[in-house]
C-alpha atoms as a PDB file:
ATOM      1  CA  MET A   1       0.000   0.000   0.000  1.00  0.00           C
ATOM      2  CA  PHE A   2       1.169   3.493  -0.744  1.00  0.00           C
ATOM      3  CA  GLU A   3       2.051   5.859   2.056  1.00  0.00           C
ATOM      4  CA  SER A   4       1.354   9.568   1.796  1.00  0.00           C
ATOM      5  CA  ASN A   5       5.007  10.328   1.024  1.00  0.00           C
ATOM      6  CA  ASP A   6       4.939   7.875  -1.897  1.00  0.00           C
ATOM      7  CA  ILE A   7       1.756   9.416  -3.240  1.00  0.00           C
ATOM      8  CA  TYR A   8       3.271  12.901  -3.110  1.00  0.00           C
ATOM      9  CA  ALA A   9       6.500  11.686  -4.716  1.00  0.00           C
ATOM     10  CA  ILE A  10       4.411  10.360  -7.611  1.00  0.00           C
ATOM     11  CA  GLY A  11       1.747  13.081  -7.611  1.00  0.00           C
ATOM     12  CA  LEU A  12       3.936  16.162  -7.820  1.00  0.00           C
ATOM     13  CA  PRO A  13       5.888  15.120 -10.936  1.00  0.00           C
ATOM     14  CA  THR A  14       2.646  13.913 -12.504  1.00  0.00           C
ATOM     15  CA  ALA A  15       0.958  17.255 -11.828  1.00  0.00           C
ATOM     16  CA  PHE A  16       3.915  19.185 -13.271  1.00  0.00           C
ATOM     17  CA  THR A  17       3.937  16.915 -16.325  1.00  0.00           C
ATOM     18  CA  PHE A  18       0.260  17.484 -17.051  1.00  0.00           C
ATOM     19  CA  ILE A  19       0.608  21.225 -16.498  1.00  0.00           C
ATOM     20  CA  ALA A  20       3.510  21.271 -18.968  1.00  0.00           C
ATOM     21  CA  ILE A  21       1.521  19.215 -21.503  1.00  0.00           C
ATOM     22  CA  GLU A  22      -1.451  21.548 -21.151  1.00  0.00           C
ATOM     23  CA  ALA A  23       0.735  24.640 -21.582  1.00  0.00           C
ATOM     24  CA  ALA A  24       2.579  23.144 -24.565  1.00  0.00           C
ATOM     25  CA  TYR A  25      -0.672  22.126 -26.278  1.00  0.00           C
ATOM     26  CA  SER A  26      -2.155  25.560 -25.620  1.00  0.00           C
ATOM     27  CA  ILE A  27       0.860  27.254 -27.232  1.00  0.00           C
ATOM     28  CA  TRP A  28       1.076  24.748 -30.104  1.00  0.00           C
ATOM     29  CA  SER A  29      -2.622  24.960 -31.019  1.00  0.00           C
ATOM     30  CA  LYS A  30      -2.630  28.754 -30.573  1.00  0.00           C
ATOM     31  CA  LYS A  31      -5.635  28.416 -28.283  1.00  0.00           C
ATOM     32  CA  ASP A  32      -5.726  30.190 -24.983  1.00  0.00           C
ATOM     33  CA  LEU A  33      -6.359  27.010 -22.971  1.00  0.00           C
ATOM     34  CA  TYR A  34      -3.632  27.294 -20.380  1.00  0.00           C
ATOM     35  CA  LYS A  35      -4.261  29.584 -17.435  1.00  0.00           C
ATOM     36  CA  ARG A  36      -1.476  30.158 -14.920  1.00  0.00           C
ATOM     37  CA  ALA A  37      -3.964  30.941 -12.177  1.00  0.00           C
ATOM     38  CA  GLY A  38      -5.468  27.445 -12.535  1.00  0.00           C
ATOM     39  CA  SER A  39      -2.039  25.860 -12.253  1.00  0.00           C
ATOM     40  CA  TYR A  40      -1.165  27.974  -9.239  1.00  0.00           C
ATOM     41  CA  GLY A  41      -4.480  27.022  -7.662  1.00  0.00           C
ATOM     42  CA  SER A  42      -3.864  23.307  -8.236  1.00  0.00           C
ATOM     43  CA  LEU A  43      -0.331  23.471  -6.899  1.00  0.00           C
ATOM     44  CA  GLY A  44      -1.525  25.514  -3.911  1.00  0.00           C
ATOM     45  CA  LEU A  45      -4.147  22.878  -3.099  1.00  0.00           C
ATOM     46  CA  PHE A  46      -1.480  20.197  -3.444  1.00  0.00           C
ATOM     47  CA  ALA A  47       0.866  22.061  -1.070  1.00  0.00           C
ATOM     48  CA  GLY A  48      -1.980  22.658   1.387  1.00  0.00           C
ATOM     49  CA  ASN A  49      -2.834  18.960   1.318  1.00  0.00           C
ATOM     50  CA  VAL A  50       0.778  18.011   2.052  1.00  0.00           C
ATOM     51  CA  LEU A  51       0.914  20.495   4.919  1.00  0.00           C
ATOM     52  CA  MET A  52      -2.350  19.251   6.424  1.00  0.00           C
ATOM     53  CA  VAL A  53      -1.256  15.609   6.234  1.00  0.00           C
ATOM     54  CA  PHE A  54       1.991  16.335   8.067  1.00  0.00           C
ATOM     55  CA  LEU A  55       0.267  18.516  10.669  1.00  0.00           C
ATOM     56  CA  THR A  56      -2.405  15.878  11.229  1.00  0.00           C
ATOM     57  CA  LYS A  57       0.185  13.122  11.556  1.00  0.00           C
ATOM     58  CA  GLY A  58       2.149  15.222  14.036  1.00  0.00           C
ATOM     59  CA  LEU A  59      -0.912  15.897  16.160  1.00  0.00           C
ATOM     60  CA  ILE A  60      -1.946  12.242  16.114  1.00  0.00           C
ATOM     61  CA  PHE A  61       1.563  11.152  17.049  1.00  0.00           C
ATOM     62  CA  SER A  62       1.566  13.632  19.946  1.00  0.00           C
ATOM     63  CA  LEU A  63      -1.762  12.221  21.103  1.00  0.00           C
ATOM     64  CA  TYR A  64      -0.340   8.676  20.930  1.00  0.00           C
ATOM     65  CA  LEU A  65       2.618   9.710  23.078  1.00  0.00           C
ATOM     66  CA  TYR A  66       0.315  11.342  25.613  1.00  0.00           C
ATOM     67  CA  ILE A  67      -1.987   8.309  25.833  1.00  0.00           C
ATOM     68  CA  PHE A  68       0.973   5.934  26.023  1.00  0.00           C
ATOM     69  CA  LYS A  69       1.900   7.446  29.398  1.00  0.00           C
ATOM     70  CA  PHE A  70      -1.196   5.875  30.937  1.00  0.00           C
ATOM     71  CA  ASN A  71      -0.419   2.351  29.654  1.00  0.00           C
ATOM     72  CA  ILE A  72      -3.940   0.948  29.880  1.00  0.00           C
ATOM     73  CA  SER A  73      -2.673  -2.481  28.885  1.00  0.00           C
ATOM     74  CA  ASP A  74      -1.807  -3.096  32.555  1.00  0.00           C
ATOM     75  CA  PHE A  75      -5.508  -3.079  33.436  1.00  0.00           C
ATOM     76  CA  PHE A  76      -6.761  -5.510  30.789  1.00  0.00           C
ATOM     77  CA  PRO A  77      -5.684  -8.896  29.440  1.00  0.00           C
ATOM     78  CA  GLU A  78      -3.534  -8.687  26.316  1.00  0.00           C
ATOM     79  CA  TRP A  79      -6.134 -10.223  23.999  1.00  0.00           C
ATOM     80  CA  LEU A  80      -8.700  -7.626  25.096  1.00  0.00           C
ATOM     81  CA  VAL A  81      -6.248  -4.789  24.447  1.00  0.00           C
ATOM     82  CA  TRP A  82      -5.806  -6.084  20.881  1.00  0.00           C
ATOM     83  CA  VAL A  83      -9.567  -6.296  20.348  1.00  0.00           C
ATOM     84  CA  MET A  84     -10.102  -2.798  21.790  1.00  0.00           C
ATOM     85  CA  ALA A  85      -7.282  -1.395  19.650  1.00  0.00           C
ATOM     86  CA  PHE A  86      -8.744  -2.954  16.503  1.00  0.00           C
ATOM     87  CA  VAL A  87     -12.242  -1.638  17.218  1.00  0.00           C
ATOM     88  CA  LEU A  88     -11.082   1.840  18.265  1.00  0.00           C
ATOM     89  CA  ILE A  89      -8.755   2.263  15.285  1.00  0.00           C
ATOM     90  CA  ASP A  90     -11.498   1.169  12.895  1.00  0.00           C
ATOM     91  CA  PHE A  91     -13.955   3.483  14.657  1.00  0.00           C
ATOM     92  CA  THR A  92     -11.533   6.411  14.402  1.00  0.00           C
ATOM     93  CA  PHE A  93     -10.827   5.870  10.698  1.00  0.00           C
ATOM     94  CA  TYR A  94     -14.544   5.562   9.974  1.00  0.00           C
ATOM     95  CA  TRP A  95     -15.379   8.888  11.651  1.00  0.00           C
ATOM     96  CA  TYR A  96     -12.355  10.653  10.171  1.00  0.00           C
ATOM     97  CA  HIS A  97     -13.322   9.465   6.672  1.00  0.00           C
ATOM     98  CA  ARG A  98     -16.944  10.449   7.208  1.00  0.00           C
ATOM     99  CA  ALA A  99     -15.975  13.870   8.575  1.00  0.00           C
ATOM    100  CA  SER A 100     -13.566  14.454   5.671  1.00  0.00           C
ATOM    101  CA  HIS A 101     -16.568  14.354   3.314  1.00  0.00           C
ATOM    102  CA  ARG A 102     -18.268  17.127   5.313  1.00  0.00           C
ATOM    103  CA  VAL A 103     -15.436  19.291   6.667  1.00  0.00           C
ATOM    104  CA  ILE A 104     -13.317  20.995   4.010  1.00  0.00           C
ATOM    105  CA  PHE A 105     -10.424  21.388   6.471  1.00  0.00           C
ATOM    106  CA  LEU A 106      -9.977  17.591   6.608  1.00  0.00           C
END
């Protein structure tokens, strides 16, 4: 499975390639198809997405470190900790995915 860094390493050159193709075709066909503002907007959205992913990962990692201090695994049997982790992680991803369809920030 791809990680976000892999996707950005593939996505950025792909975006630049398609922008260059669009600009070249616009010049070659003498049609005014290429707009710099559109390219800047796309690249700005791409940069904003990268920034939000890294900020989100940093905040989540900080939360993990904070929760780790409490070490709840001492209170429950190991198998139950695994079951709770599976359910809570799935629950978290579900709500994050659902919220990302409603909240532009996500």
